[in-house]
Amino acid sequence: MTRNAFPLVSLMRTILVCSVITLLSPALPCFAQDTAESGWFNTDRTQALVLGVILTGAILLYVVLATSGRPLFIRKIAGLETVEEAVGRATEMGKPILYVPGLNDMDDVQTIASMNLLGHLATIIAGYDSRLHVPVRKSLVMSAARETVQQSYLSAGRPDAYQEDAIHYVSDAQFAYAAAVDGIIVRERPAACFYLGGFYAESLILAETGNSIGAIQIAGTARPPQLPFFVAACDYTLIGEELFAASAYLSKEPRMLGSLKGQDAGKGIAIIFIIAGSALATLESVTGSETVREVSEIVLWLFR
């Protein structure tokens, strides 16, 4: 067995175990309703098993294709294509780069995605010998960011250029943090500002301040209410899932790319079933065919 096969086997085992636990847990006595019969298999959730098998199969297929060396198409994301250009511009101007990882703690998936992007960005910055400034709101985020950036500088062969004080705690209060970051932007006038993570009402305040000094701004969040502010005030905005796909997009790591493509395939399959279900329901109402009704019930059963 090749070396690349071991992570794949481990991934398959993990997915299988998680699927079994998810399917069986409602059937266990401690989770069962008073009106439900306890047992080893909950037949009311058979469709979840079918959908889980389909999605897992799609992910594993693309992971195998990616690890075998087959190129997988990922559409271009303009904001991520401009990262190196923004760092290069800051280096030429002799100005720092500001990275704001959002306001949430490390228990938020947006912050985790932001740390992955920070690691990639720090590797580029280390290669260009630029200055990085990361003000944070949570102490745990500060520790994670310091570890991430230090590892990136080490990987780039520039451990001596790493400055721990560049990643520092500011304030736990929302608008005190926003005011402090605005002060950093006005005083240090960074050439590039990155806002990637979970943001709230302060998003427009930060983005407008960065816009006022003429910085290249790249933002990304999975919170829909804040997206219009970033779109209006920033040069590039990662919308929703683009923030989570960014790690695979930038790293080009085969297993991450395969997982990303597999999830997209799962969404495509769901869209096909939705369209098929709508068409069958319409056809059934028009023709009244018994065969069409039975097929329609099978499709609807999967998403019940």
C-alpha atoms as a PDB file:
ATOM      1  CA  MET A   1       0.000   0.000   0.000  1.00  0.00           C
ATOM      2  CA  THR A   2       1.383   3.419  -0.962  1.00  0.00           C
ATOM      3  CA  ARG A   3       1.955   6.236   1.483  1.00  0.00           C
ATOM      4  CA  ASN A   4      -0.900   8.297   0.025  1.00  0.00           C
ATOM      5  CA  ALA A   5      -3.298   5.422   0.608  1.00  0.00           C
ATOM      6  CA  PHE A   6      -3.048   5.576   4.399  1.00  0.00           C
ATOM      7  CA  PRO A   7      -4.709   9.014   4.805  1.00  0.00           C
ATOM      8  CA  LEU A   8      -7.433   7.897   2.408  1.00  0.00           C
ATOM      9  CA  VAL A   9      -8.132   4.746   4.416  1.00  0.00           C
ATOM     10  CA  SER A  10      -8.173   6.790   7.624  1.00  0.00           C
ATOM     11  CA  LEU A  11     -10.591   9.251   6.041  1.00  0.00           C
ATOM     12  CA  MET A  12     -12.914   6.456   4.904  1.00  0.00           C
ATOM     13  CA  ARG A  13     -12.923   4.896   8.375  1.00  0.00           C
ATOM     14  CA  THR A  14     -13.672   8.238  10.039  1.00  0.00           C
ATOM     15  CA  ILE A  15     -16.550   9.006   7.689  1.00  0.00           C
ATOM     16  CA  LEU A  16     -17.971   5.499   8.126  1.00  0.00           C
ATOM     17  CA  VAL A  17     -17.835   5.672  11.930  1.00  0.00           C
ATOM     18  CA  CYS A  18     -19.408   9.155  12.012  1.00  0.00           C
ATOM     19  CA  SER A  19     -22.173   8.046   9.640  1.00  0.00           C
ATOM     20  CA  VAL A  20     -22.980   4.977  11.745  1.00  0.00           C
ATOM     21  CA  ILE A  21     -23.068   6.994  14.987  1.00  0.00           C
ATOM     22  CA  THR A  22     -25.286   9.654  13.400  1.00  0.00           C
ATOM     23  CA  LEU A  23     -27.726   7.079  12.070  1.00  0.00           C
ATOM     24  CA  LEU A  24     -27.891   4.903  15.163  1.00  0.00           C
ATOM     25  CA  SER A  25     -27.971   7.564  17.872  1.00  0.00           C
ATOM     26  CA  PRO A  26     -31.702   8.367  17.467  1.00  0.00           C
ATOM     27  CA  ALA A  27     -32.455   4.671  17.879  1.00  0.00           C
ATOM     28  CA  LEU A  28     -30.643   4.304  21.197  1.00  0.00           C
ATOM     29  CA  PRO A  29     -32.827   4.307  24.335  1.00  0.00           C
ATOM     30  CA  CYS A  30     -31.222   7.462  25.692  1.00  0.00           C
ATOM     31  CA  PHE A  31     -32.211   9.360  22.552  1.00  0.00           C
ATOM     32  CA  ALA A  32     -35.473   7.659  21.687  1.00  0.00           C
ATOM     33  CA  GLN A  33     -38.828   9.355  22.059  1.00  0.00           C
ATOM     34  CA  ASP A  34     -41.463   7.832  24.372  1.00  0.00           C
ATOM     35  CA  THR A  35     -43.599   6.969  21.376  1.00  0.00           C
ATOM     36  CA  ALA A  36     -40.765   5.472  19.322  1.00  0.00           C
ATOM     37  CA  GLU A  37     -39.502   1.928  19.458  1.00  0.00           C
ATOM     38  CA  SER A  38     -35.871   1.583  20.479  1.00  0.00           C
ATOM     39  CA  GLY A  39     -33.608  -0.480  18.272  1.00  0.00           C
ATOM     40  CA  TRP A  40     -30.292  -0.668  16.499  1.00  0.00           C
ATOM     41  CA  PHE A  41     -31.557   0.959  13.305  1.00  0.00           C
ATOM     42  CA  ASN A  42     -34.026   3.833  12.933  1.00  0.00           C
ATOM     43  CA  THR A  43     -35.957   3.084   9.750  1.00  0.00           C
ATOM     44  CA  ASP A  44     -37.409   6.596   9.744  1.00  0.00           C
ATOM     45  CA  ARG A  45     -33.960   7.865   8.809  1.00  0.00           C
ATOM     46  CA  THR A  46     -33.127   5.435   6.022  1.00  0.00           C
ATOM     47  CA  GLN A  47     -33.091   8.295   3.528  1.00  0.00           C
ATOM     48  CA  ALA A  48     -30.314   9.935   5.579  1.00  0.00           C
ATOM     49  CA  LEU A  49     -28.255   6.784   5.053  1.00  0.00           C
ATOM     50  CA  VAL A  50     -28.878   6.897   1.289  1.00  0.00           C
ATOM     51  CA  LEU A  51     -27.936  10.580   1.035  1.00  0.00           C
ATOM     52  CA  GLY A  52     -24.905  10.004   3.277  1.00  0.00           C
ATOM     53  CA  VAL A  53     -23.676   7.176   1.071  1.00  0.00           C
ATOM     54  CA  ILE A  54     -24.130   9.308  -2.070  1.00  0.00           C
ATOM     55  CA  LEU A  55     -22.284  12.301  -0.595  1.00  0.00           C
ATOM     56  CA  THR A  56     -19.521  10.167   0.930  1.00  0.00           C
ATOM     57  CA  GLY A  57     -19.057   8.337  -2.359  1.00  0.00           C
ATOM     58  CA  ALA A  58     -18.743  11.622  -4.261  1.00  0.00           C
ATOM     59  CA  ILE A  59     -16.161  12.982  -1.808  1.00  0.00           C
ATOM     60  CA  LEU A  60     -14.084   9.774  -1.815  1.00  0.00           C
ATOM     61  CA  LEU A  61     -14.199   9.608  -5.621  1.00  0.00           C
ATOM     62  CA  TYR A  62     -12.801  13.111  -6.016  1.00  0.00           C
ATOM     63  CA  VAL A  63     -10.224  12.579  -3.257  1.00  0.00           C
ATOM     64  CA  VAL A  64      -8.962   9.491  -5.099  1.00  0.00           C
ATOM     65  CA  LEU A  65      -8.861  11.430  -8.393  1.00  0.00           C
ATOM     66  CA  ALA A  66      -6.994  14.327  -6.774  1.00  0.00           C
ATOM     67  CA  THR A  67      -4.420  12.137  -5.003  1.00  0.00           C
ATOM     68  CA  SER A  68      -3.800  10.216  -8.237  1.00  0.00           C
ATOM     69  CA  GLY A  69      -2.616  13.443  -9.859  1.00  0.00           C
ATOM     70  CA  ARG A  70      -5.624  14.242 -12.029  1.00  0.00           C
ATOM     71  CA  PRO A  71      -6.159  18.039 -12.230  1.00  0.00           C
ATOM     72  CA  LEU A  72      -9.464  19.245 -10.799  1.00  0.00           C
ATOM     73  CA  PHE A  73     -11.051  22.433 -12.077  1.00  0.00           C
ATOM     74  CA  ILE A  74     -11.740  25.087  -9.431  1.00  0.00           C
ATOM     75  CA  ARG A  75     -13.187  28.343 -10.678  1.00  0.00           C
ATOM     76  CA  LYS A  76     -11.070  31.409 -10.091  1.00  0.00           C
ATOM     77  CA  ILE A  77     -11.813  33.550  -7.046  1.00  0.00           C
ATOM     78  CA  ALA A  78     -10.680  37.094  -7.819  1.00  0.00           C
ATOM     79  CA  GLY A  79     -10.035  38.045  -4.204  1.00  0.00           C
ATOM     80  CA  LEU A  80      -7.642  35.136  -3.691  1.00  0.00           C
ATOM     81  CA  GLU A  81      -5.889  35.689  -7.014  1.00  0.00           C
ATOM     82  CA  THR A  82      -5.013  39.216  -5.827  1.00  0.00           C
ATOM     83  CA  VAL A  83      -3.438  38.237  -2.488  1.00  0.00           C
ATOM     84  CA  GLU A  84       0.138  38.091  -3.786  1.00  0.00           C
ATOM     85  CA  GLU A  85      -0.342  41.294  -5.761  1.00  0.00           C
ATOM     86  CA  ALA A  86      -1.526  43.094  -2.617  1.00  0.00           C
ATOM     87  CA  VAL A  87       1.477  41.855  -0.617  1.00  0.00           C
ATOM     88  CA  GLY A  88       3.838  42.879  -3.432  1.00  0.00           C
ATOM     89  CA  ARG A  89       2.330  46.362  -3.548  1.00  0.00           C
ATOM     90  CA  ALA A  90       2.754  46.777   0.205  1.00  0.00           C
ATOM     91  CA  THR A  91       6.390  45.654  -0.060  1.00  0.00           C
ATOM     92  CA  GLU A  92       7.153  48.121  -2.840  1.00  0.00           C
ATOM     93  CA  MET A  93       5.589  50.974  -0.869  1.00  0.00           C
ATOM     94  CA  GLY A  94       7.358  49.978   2.357  1.00  0.00           C
ATOM     95  CA  LYS A  95       4.060  49.820   4.222  1.00  0.00           C
ATOM     96  CA  PRO A  96       2.645  47.116   6.525  1.00  0.00           C
ATOM     97  CA  ILE A  97      -0.172  44.653   5.859  1.00  0.00           C
ATOM     98  CA  LEU A  98      -3.164  44.601   8.210  1.00  0.00           C
ATOM     99  CA  TYR A  99      -4.984  41.331   8.868  1.00  0.00           C
ATOM    100  CA  VAL A 100      -8.198  41.333  10.919  1.00  0.00           C
ATOM    101  CA  PRO A 101      -9.381  37.764  11.730  1.00  0.00           C
ATOM    102  CA  GLY A 102     -12.908  38.784  12.739  1.00  0.00           C
ATOM    103  CA  LEU A 103     -14.464  39.210  16.158  1.00  0.00           C
ATOM    104  CA  ASN A 104     -15.354  35.629  17.048  1.00  0.00           C
ATOM    105  CA  ASP A 105     -13.380  33.152  19.148  1.00  0.00           C
ATOM    106  CA  MET A 106     -11.767  29.923  17.974  1.00  0.00           C
ATOM    107  CA  ASP A 107     -15.030  28.010  18.428  1.00  0.00           C
ATOM    108  CA  ASP A 108     -16.378  29.708  15.278  1.00  0.00           C
ATOM    109  CA  VAL A 109     -15.720  27.983  11.952  1.00  0.00           C
ATOM    110  CA  GLN A 110     -15.142  31.364  10.270  1.00  0.00           C
ATOM    111  CA  THR A 111     -12.242  32.081  12.619  1.00  0.00           C
ATOM    112  CA  ILE A 112     -10.737  28.665  11.896  1.00  0.00           C
ATOM    113  CA  ALA A 113     -10.964  29.358   8.154  1.00  0.00           C
ATOM    114  CA  SER A 114      -9.400  32.770   8.787  1.00  0.00           C
ATOM    115  CA  MET A 115      -6.436  31.165  10.583  1.00  0.00           C
ATOM    116  CA  ASN A 116      -5.839  28.919   7.562  1.00  0.00           C
ATOM    117  CA  LEU A 117      -5.787  31.963   5.281  1.00  0.00           C
ATOM    118  CA  LEU A 118      -3.529  33.832   7.695  1.00  0.00           C
ATOM    119  CA  GLY A 119      -1.022  30.979   7.498  1.00  0.00           C
ATOM    120  CA  HIS A 120      -0.917  31.145   3.698  1.00  0.00           C
ATOM    121  CA  LEU A 121      -0.681  34.943   3.729  1.00  0.00           C
ATOM    122  CA  ALA A 122       2.128  34.877   6.302  1.00  0.00           C
ATOM    123  CA  THR A 123       4.127  32.528   4.076  1.00  0.00           C
ATOM    124  CA  ILE A 124       3.904  35.035   1.203  1.00  0.00           C
ATOM    125  CA  ILE A 125       4.757  37.941   3.515  1.00  0.00           C
ATOM    126  CA  ALA A 126       7.796  36.083   4.849  1.00  0.00           C
ATOM    127  CA  GLY A 127       9.025  35.561   1.279  1.00  0.00           C
ATOM    128  CA  TYR A 128       8.587  39.246   0.429  1.00  0.00           C
ATOM    129  CA  ASP A 129      10.046  40.376   3.785  1.00  0.00           C
ATOM    130  CA  SER A 130       7.009  42.586   4.424  1.00  0.00           C
ATOM    131  CA  ARG A 131       5.521  43.665   7.740  1.00  0.00           C
ATOM    132  CA  LEU A 132       2.394  42.022   9.118  1.00  0.00           C
ATOM    133  CA  HIS A 133       0.057  43.526  11.727  1.00  0.00           C
ATOM    134  CA  VAL A 134      -2.668  41.357  13.300  1.00  0.00           C
ATOM    135  CA  PRO A 135      -4.810  42.961  16.040  1.00  0.00           C
ATOM    136  CA  VAL A 136      -7.131  40.411  17.699  1.00  0.00           C
ATOM    137  CA  ARG A 137     -10.122  40.533  20.012  1.00  0.00           C
ATOM    138  CA  LYS A 138      -9.806  37.154  21.770  1.00  0.00           C
ATOM    139  CA  SER A 139      -6.790  35.833  23.655  1.00  0.00           C
ATOM    140  CA  LEU A 140      -7.188  32.320  22.254  1.00  0.00           C
ATOM    141  CA  VAL A 141      -7.260  33.718  18.726  1.00  0.00           C
ATOM    142  CA  MET A 142      -4.047  35.597  19.520  1.00  0.00           C
ATOM    143  CA  SER A 143      -2.318  32.376  20.592  1.00  0.00           C
ATOM    144  CA  ALA A 144      -3.539  30.496  17.526  1.00  0.00           C
ATOM    145  CA  ALA A 145      -2.537  33.332  15.200  1.00  0.00           C
ATOM    146  CA  ARG A 146       0.948  33.569  16.710  1.00  0.00           C
ATOM    147  CA  GLU A 147       1.479  29.842  16.330  1.00  0.00           C
ATOM    148  CA  THR A 148       0.179  29.905  12.752  1.00  0.00           C
ATOM    149  CA  VAL A 149       2.320  32.834  11.657  1.00  0.00           C
ATOM    150  CA  GLN A 150       5.427  31.485  13.368  1.00  0.00           C
ATOM    151  CA  GLN A 151       5.014  28.143  11.598  1.00  0.00           C
ATOM    152  CA  SER A 152       4.538  29.936   8.260  1.00  0.00           C
ATOM    153  CA  TYR A 153       7.742  31.943   8.729  1.00  0.00           C
ATOM    154  CA  LEU A 154       9.552  28.731   9.671  1.00  0.00           C
ATOM    155  CA  SER A 155       8.243  26.975   6.557  1.00  0.00           C
ATOM    156  CA  ALA A 156       9.358  29.902   4.416  1.00  0.00           C
ATOM    157  CA  GLY A 157      12.871  29.654   5.871  1.00  0.00           C
ATOM    158  CA  ARG A 158      12.643  33.022   7.636  1.00  0.00           C
ATOM    159  CA  PRO A 159      12.199  32.231  11.349  1.00  0.00           C
ATOM    160  CA  ASP A 160      14.375  35.232  12.257  1.00  0.00           C
ATOM    161  CA  ALA A 161      11.879  37.623  10.600  1.00  0.00           C
ATOM    162  CA  TYR A 162       8.980  36.535  12.802  1.00  0.00           C
ATOM    163  CA  GLN A 163       7.880  39.176  15.322  1.00  0.00           C
ATOM    164  CA  GLU A 164       5.586  37.944  18.057  1.00  0.00           C
ATOM    165  CA  ASP A 165       4.412  41.466  18.965  1.00  0.00           C
ATOM    166  CA  ALA A 166       2.951  41.896  15.475  1.00  0.00           C
ATOM    167  CA  ILE A 167       0.035  39.711  16.622  1.00  0.00           C
ATOM    168  CA  HIS A 168      -1.389  41.361  19.730  1.00  0.00           C
ATOM    169  CA  TYR A 169      -4.536  41.549  21.833  1.00  0.00           C
ATOM    170  CA  VAL A 170      -6.513  44.802  21.671  1.00  0.00           C
ATOM    171  CA  SER A 171      -9.871  44.678  23.470  1.00  0.00           C
ATOM    172  CA  ASP A 172     -12.721  42.272  24.063  1.00  0.00           C
ATOM    173  CA  ALA A 173     -15.337  45.022  23.604  1.00  0.00           C
ATOM    174  CA  GLN A 174     -16.732  45.172  20.076  1.00  0.00           C
ATOM    175  CA  PHE A 175     -16.529  48.877  19.316  1.00  0.00           C
ATOM    176  CA  ALA A 176     -13.417  49.450  21.424  1.00  0.00           C
ATOM    177  CA  TYR A 177     -11.757  46.869  19.176  1.00  0.00           C
ATOM    178  CA  ALA A 178     -13.139  48.568  16.058  1.00  0.00           C
ATOM    179  CA  ALA A 179     -11.857  51.966  17.260  1.00  0.00           C
ATOM    180  CA  ALA A 180      -8.412  50.528  17.998  1.00  0.00           C
ATOM    181  CA  VAL A 181      -8.158  48.924  14.544  1.00  0.00           C
ATOM    182  CA  ASP A 182      -9.295  52.186  12.932  1.00  0.00           C
ATOM    183  CA  GLY A 183      -6.518  53.959  14.846  1.00  0.00           C
ATOM    184  CA  ILE A 184      -3.956  51.454  13.548  1.00  0.00           C
ATOM    185  CA  ILE A 185      -5.190  52.005   9.984  1.00  0.00           C
ATOM    186  CA  VAL A 186      -5.002  55.810  10.261  1.00  0.00           C
ATOM    187  CA  ARG A 187      -1.609  55.880  11.990  1.00  0.00           C
ATOM    188  CA  GLU A 188       0.268  53.148  10.106  1.00  0.00           C
ATOM    189  CA  ARG A 189      -1.585  53.500   6.782  1.00  0.00           C
ATOM    190  CA  PRO A 190      -1.204  49.889   5.612  1.00  0.00           C
ATOM    191  CA  ALA A 191      -1.082  49.287   1.868  1.00  0.00           C
ATOM    192  CA  ALA A 192      -3.277  46.176   2.108  1.00  0.00           C
ATOM    193  CA  CYS A 193      -6.070  45.314   4.546  1.00  0.00           C
ATOM    194  CA  PHE A 194      -7.578  41.860   4.960  1.00  0.00           C
ATOM    195  CA  TYR A 195     -10.868  41.369   6.834  1.00  0.00           C
ATOM    196  CA  LEU A 196     -11.535  37.635   6.930  1.00  0.00           C
ATOM    197  CA  GLY A 197     -13.764  35.983   9.535  1.00  0.00           C
ATOM    198  CA  GLY A 198     -16.944  36.742  11.456  1.00  0.00           C
ATOM    199  CA  PHE A 199     -17.937  40.425  11.524  1.00  0.00           C
ATOM    200  CA  TYR A 200     -20.889  42.398  12.832  1.00  0.00           C
ATOM    201  CA  ALA A 201     -21.923  46.082  12.892  1.00  0.00           C
ATOM    202  CA  GLU A 202     -18.294  47.265  12.857  1.00  0.00           C
ATOM    203  CA  SER A 203     -17.641  45.872   9.366  1.00  0.00           C
ATOM    204  CA  LEU A 204     -18.503  49.091   7.513  1.00  0.00           C
ATOM    205  CA  ILE A 205     -16.527  51.212  10.008  1.00  0.00           C
ATOM    206  CA  LEU A 206     -13.372  49.168   9.377  1.00  0.00           C
ATOM    207  CA  ALA A 207     -13.825  48.909   5.629  1.00  0.00           C
ATOM    208  CA  GLU A 208     -14.580  52.616   5.148  1.00  0.00           C
ATOM    209  CA  THR A 209     -11.525  53.630   7.168  1.00  0.00           C
ATOM    210  CA  GLY A 210      -9.306  51.392   5.047  1.00  0.00           C
ATOM    211  CA  ASN A 211     -10.915  52.752   1.902  1.00  0.00           C
ATOM    212  CA  SER A 212     -10.216  56.327   3.001  1.00  0.00           C
ATOM    213  CA  ILE A 213      -6.436  55.742   3.013  1.00  0.00           C
ATOM    214  CA  GLY A 214      -6.440  54.046  -0.412  1.00  0.00           C
ATOM    215  CA  ALA A 215      -5.467  50.544   0.738  1.00  0.00           C
ATOM    216  CA  ILE A 216      -6.198  47.425  -1.276  1.00  0.00           C
ATOM    217  CA  GLN A 217      -8.897  45.672   0.719  1.00  0.00           C
ATOM    218  CA  ILE A 218      -9.902  42.001   0.577  1.00  0.00           C
ATOM    219  CA  ALA A 219     -12.764  40.912   2.821  1.00  0.00           C
ATOM    220  CA  GLY A 220     -14.652  37.716   3.414  1.00  0.00           C
ATOM    221  CA  THR A 221     -17.371  36.540   5.786  1.00  0.00           C
ATOM    222  CA  ALA A 222     -20.188  34.019   5.978  1.00  0.00           C
ATOM    223  CA  ARG A 223     -22.554  36.519   7.638  1.00  0.00           C
ATOM    224  CA  PRO A 224     -24.980  37.756   4.940  1.00  0.00           C
ATOM    225  CA  PRO A 225     -25.897  41.066   6.693  1.00  0.00           C
ATOM    226  CA  GLN A 226     -22.268  42.247   6.501  1.00  0.00           C
ATOM    227  CA  LEU A 227     -21.589  41.288   2.873  1.00  0.00           C
ATOM    228  CA  PRO A 228     -23.155  44.452   1.321  1.00  0.00           C
ATOM    229  CA  PHE A 229     -20.874  46.666   3.425  1.00  0.00           C
ATOM    230  CA  PHE A 230     -17.760  44.788   2.358  1.00  0.00           C
ATOM    231  CA  VAL A 231     -18.851  44.734  -1.285  1.00  0.00           C
ATOM    232  CA  ALA A 232     -19.388  48.503  -1.200  1.00  0.00           C
ATOM    233  CA  ALA A 233     -16.152  49.464   0.562  1.00  0.00           C
ATOM    234  CA  CYS A 234     -13.632  46.749  -0.387  1.00  0.00           C
ATOM    235  CA  ASP A 235     -11.925  45.873  -3.650  1.00  0.00           C
ATOM    236  CA  TYR A 236     -12.654  42.142  -3.407  1.00  0.00           C
ATOM    237  CA  THR A 237     -15.091  40.192  -1.251  1.00  0.00           C
ATOM    238  CA  LEU A 238     -15.237  36.450  -0.556  1.00  0.00           C
ATOM    239  CA  ILE A 239     -18.921  35.620  -0.332  1.00  0.00           C
ATOM    240  CA  GLY A 240     -20.128  32.878   1.997  1.00  0.00           C
ATOM    241  CA  GLU A 241     -18.601  29.523   1.128  1.00  0.00           C
ATOM    242  CA  GLU A 242     -15.711  31.117  -0.757  1.00  0.00           C
ATOM    243  CA  LEU A 243     -14.198  31.874   2.657  1.00  0.00           C
ATOM    244  CA  PHE A 244     -14.213  28.179   3.570  1.00  0.00           C
ATOM    245  CA  ALA A 245     -13.040  27.031   0.131  1.00  0.00           C
ATOM    246  CA  ALA A 246     -10.106  29.452   0.214  1.00  0.00           C
ATOM    247  CA  SER A 247      -7.772  27.074   2.082  1.00  0.00           C
ATOM    248  CA  ALA A 248      -8.141  24.372  -0.571  1.00  0.00           C
ATOM    249  CA  TYR A 249      -7.962  26.962  -3.345  1.00  0.00           C
ATOM    250  CA  LEU A 250      -4.685  28.458  -2.129  1.00  0.00           C
ATOM    251  CA  SER A 251      -2.900  25.341  -0.871  1.00  0.00           C
ATOM    252  CA  LYS A 252      -3.845  23.085  -3.842  1.00  0.00           C
ATOM    253  CA  GLU A 253      -3.561  20.167  -1.389  1.00  0.00           C
ATOM    254  CA  PRO A 254      -5.078  17.127  -3.196  1.00  0.00           C
ATOM    255  CA  ARG A 255      -7.231  15.825  -0.326  1.00  0.00           C
ATOM    256  CA  MET A 256      -8.658  19.273   0.395  1.00  0.00           C
ATOM    257  CA  LEU A 257      -9.363  19.872  -3.301  1.00  0.00           C
ATOM    258  CA  GLY A 258     -10.985  16.436  -3.601  1.00  0.00           C
ATOM    259  CA  SER A 259     -13.175  17.100  -0.576  1.00  0.00           C
ATOM    260  CA  LEU A 260     -14.198  20.484  -1.976  1.00  0.00           C
ATOM    261  CA  LYS A 261     -15.100  19.018  -5.372  1.00  0.00           C
ATOM    262  CA  GLY A 262     -16.966  16.143  -3.713  1.00  0.00           C
ATOM    263  CA  GLN A 263     -19.103  18.564  -1.703  1.00  0.00           C
ATOM    264  CA  ASP A 264     -19.848  20.535  -4.867  1.00  0.00           C
ATOM    265  CA  ALA A 265     -20.849  17.274  -6.563  1.00  0.00           C
ATOM    266  CA  GLY A 266     -23.188  16.544  -3.645  1.00  0.00           C
ATOM    267  CA  LYS A 267     -24.821  19.961  -4.084  1.00  0.00           C
ATOM    268  CA  GLY A 268     -25.164  19.270  -7.802  1.00  0.00           C
ATOM    269  CA  ILE A 269     -26.877  15.948  -7.071  1.00  0.00           C
ATOM    270  CA  ALA A 270     -29.263  17.684  -4.650  1.00  0.00           C
ATOM    271  CA  ILE A 271     -30.122  20.288  -7.301  1.00  0.00           C
ATOM    272  CA  ILE A 272     -30.837  17.530  -9.829  1.00  0.00           C
ATOM    273  CA  PHE A 273     -33.169  15.772  -7.380  1.00  0.00           C
ATOM    274  CA  ILE A 274     -34.976  19.036  -6.587  1.00  0.00           C
ATOM    275  CA  ILE A 275     -35.514  19.789 -10.278  1.00  0.00           C
ATOM    276  CA  ALA A 276     -36.596  16.189 -10.934  1.00  0.00           C
ATOM    277  CA  GLY A 277     -39.016  16.278  -7.998  1.00  0.00           C
ATOM    278  CA  SER A 278     -40.580  19.543  -9.179  1.00  0.00           C
ATOM    279  CA  ALA A 279     -40.923  18.234 -12.729  1.00  0.00           C
ATOM    280  CA  LEU A 280     -42.470  14.945 -11.566  1.00  0.00           C
ATOM    281  CA  ALA A 281     -44.914  16.712  -9.244  1.00  0.00           C
ATOM    282  CA  THR A 282     -45.997  18.959 -12.110  1.00  0.00           C
ATOM    283  CA  LEU A 283     -46.294  16.005 -14.488  1.00  0.00           C
ATOM    284  CA  GLU A 284     -48.329  14.056 -11.936  1.00  0.00           C
ATOM    285  CA  SER A 285     -50.800  16.911 -11.480  1.00  0.00           C
ATOM    286  CA  VAL A 286     -51.201  17.245 -15.257  1.00  0.00           C
ATOM    287  CA  THR A 287     -51.430  13.580 -16.279  1.00  0.00           C
ATOM    288  CA  GLY A 288     -52.587  11.888 -13.067  1.00  0.00           C
ATOM    289  CA  SER A 289     -50.357   8.922 -13.916  1.00  0.00           C
ATOM    290  CA  GLU A 290     -49.867   6.342 -11.150  1.00  0.00           C
ATOM    291  CA  THR A 291     -46.340   5.532 -12.353  1.00  0.00           C
ATOM    292  CA  VAL A 292     -45.302   9.183 -12.208  1.00  0.00           C
ATOM    293  CA  ARG A 293     -46.766   9.438  -8.703  1.00  0.00           C
ATOM    294  CA  GLU A 294     -44.716   6.460  -7.473  1.00  0.00           C
ATOM    295  CA  VAL A 295     -41.490   7.842  -8.934  1.00  0.00           C
ATOM    296  CA  SER A 296     -42.264  11.253  -7.430  1.00  0.00           C
ATOM    297  CA  GLU A 297     -42.773   9.694  -4.001  1.00  0.00           C
ATOM    298  CA  ILE A 298     -39.346   8.007  -4.198  1.00  0.00           C
ATOM    299  CA  VAL A 299     -37.654  11.320  -4.993  1.00  0.00           C
ATOM    300  CA  LEU A 300     -39.555  13.134  -2.224  1.00  0.00           C
ATOM    301  CA  TRP A 301     -38.752  10.320   0.240  1.00  0.00           C
ATOM    302  CA  LEU A 302     -35.031  11.095  -0.046  1.00  0.00           C
ATOM    303  CA  PHE A 303     -35.571  14.675   1.141  1.00  0.00           C
ATOM    304  CA  ARG A 304     -38.372  14.059   3.616  1.00  0.00           C
END
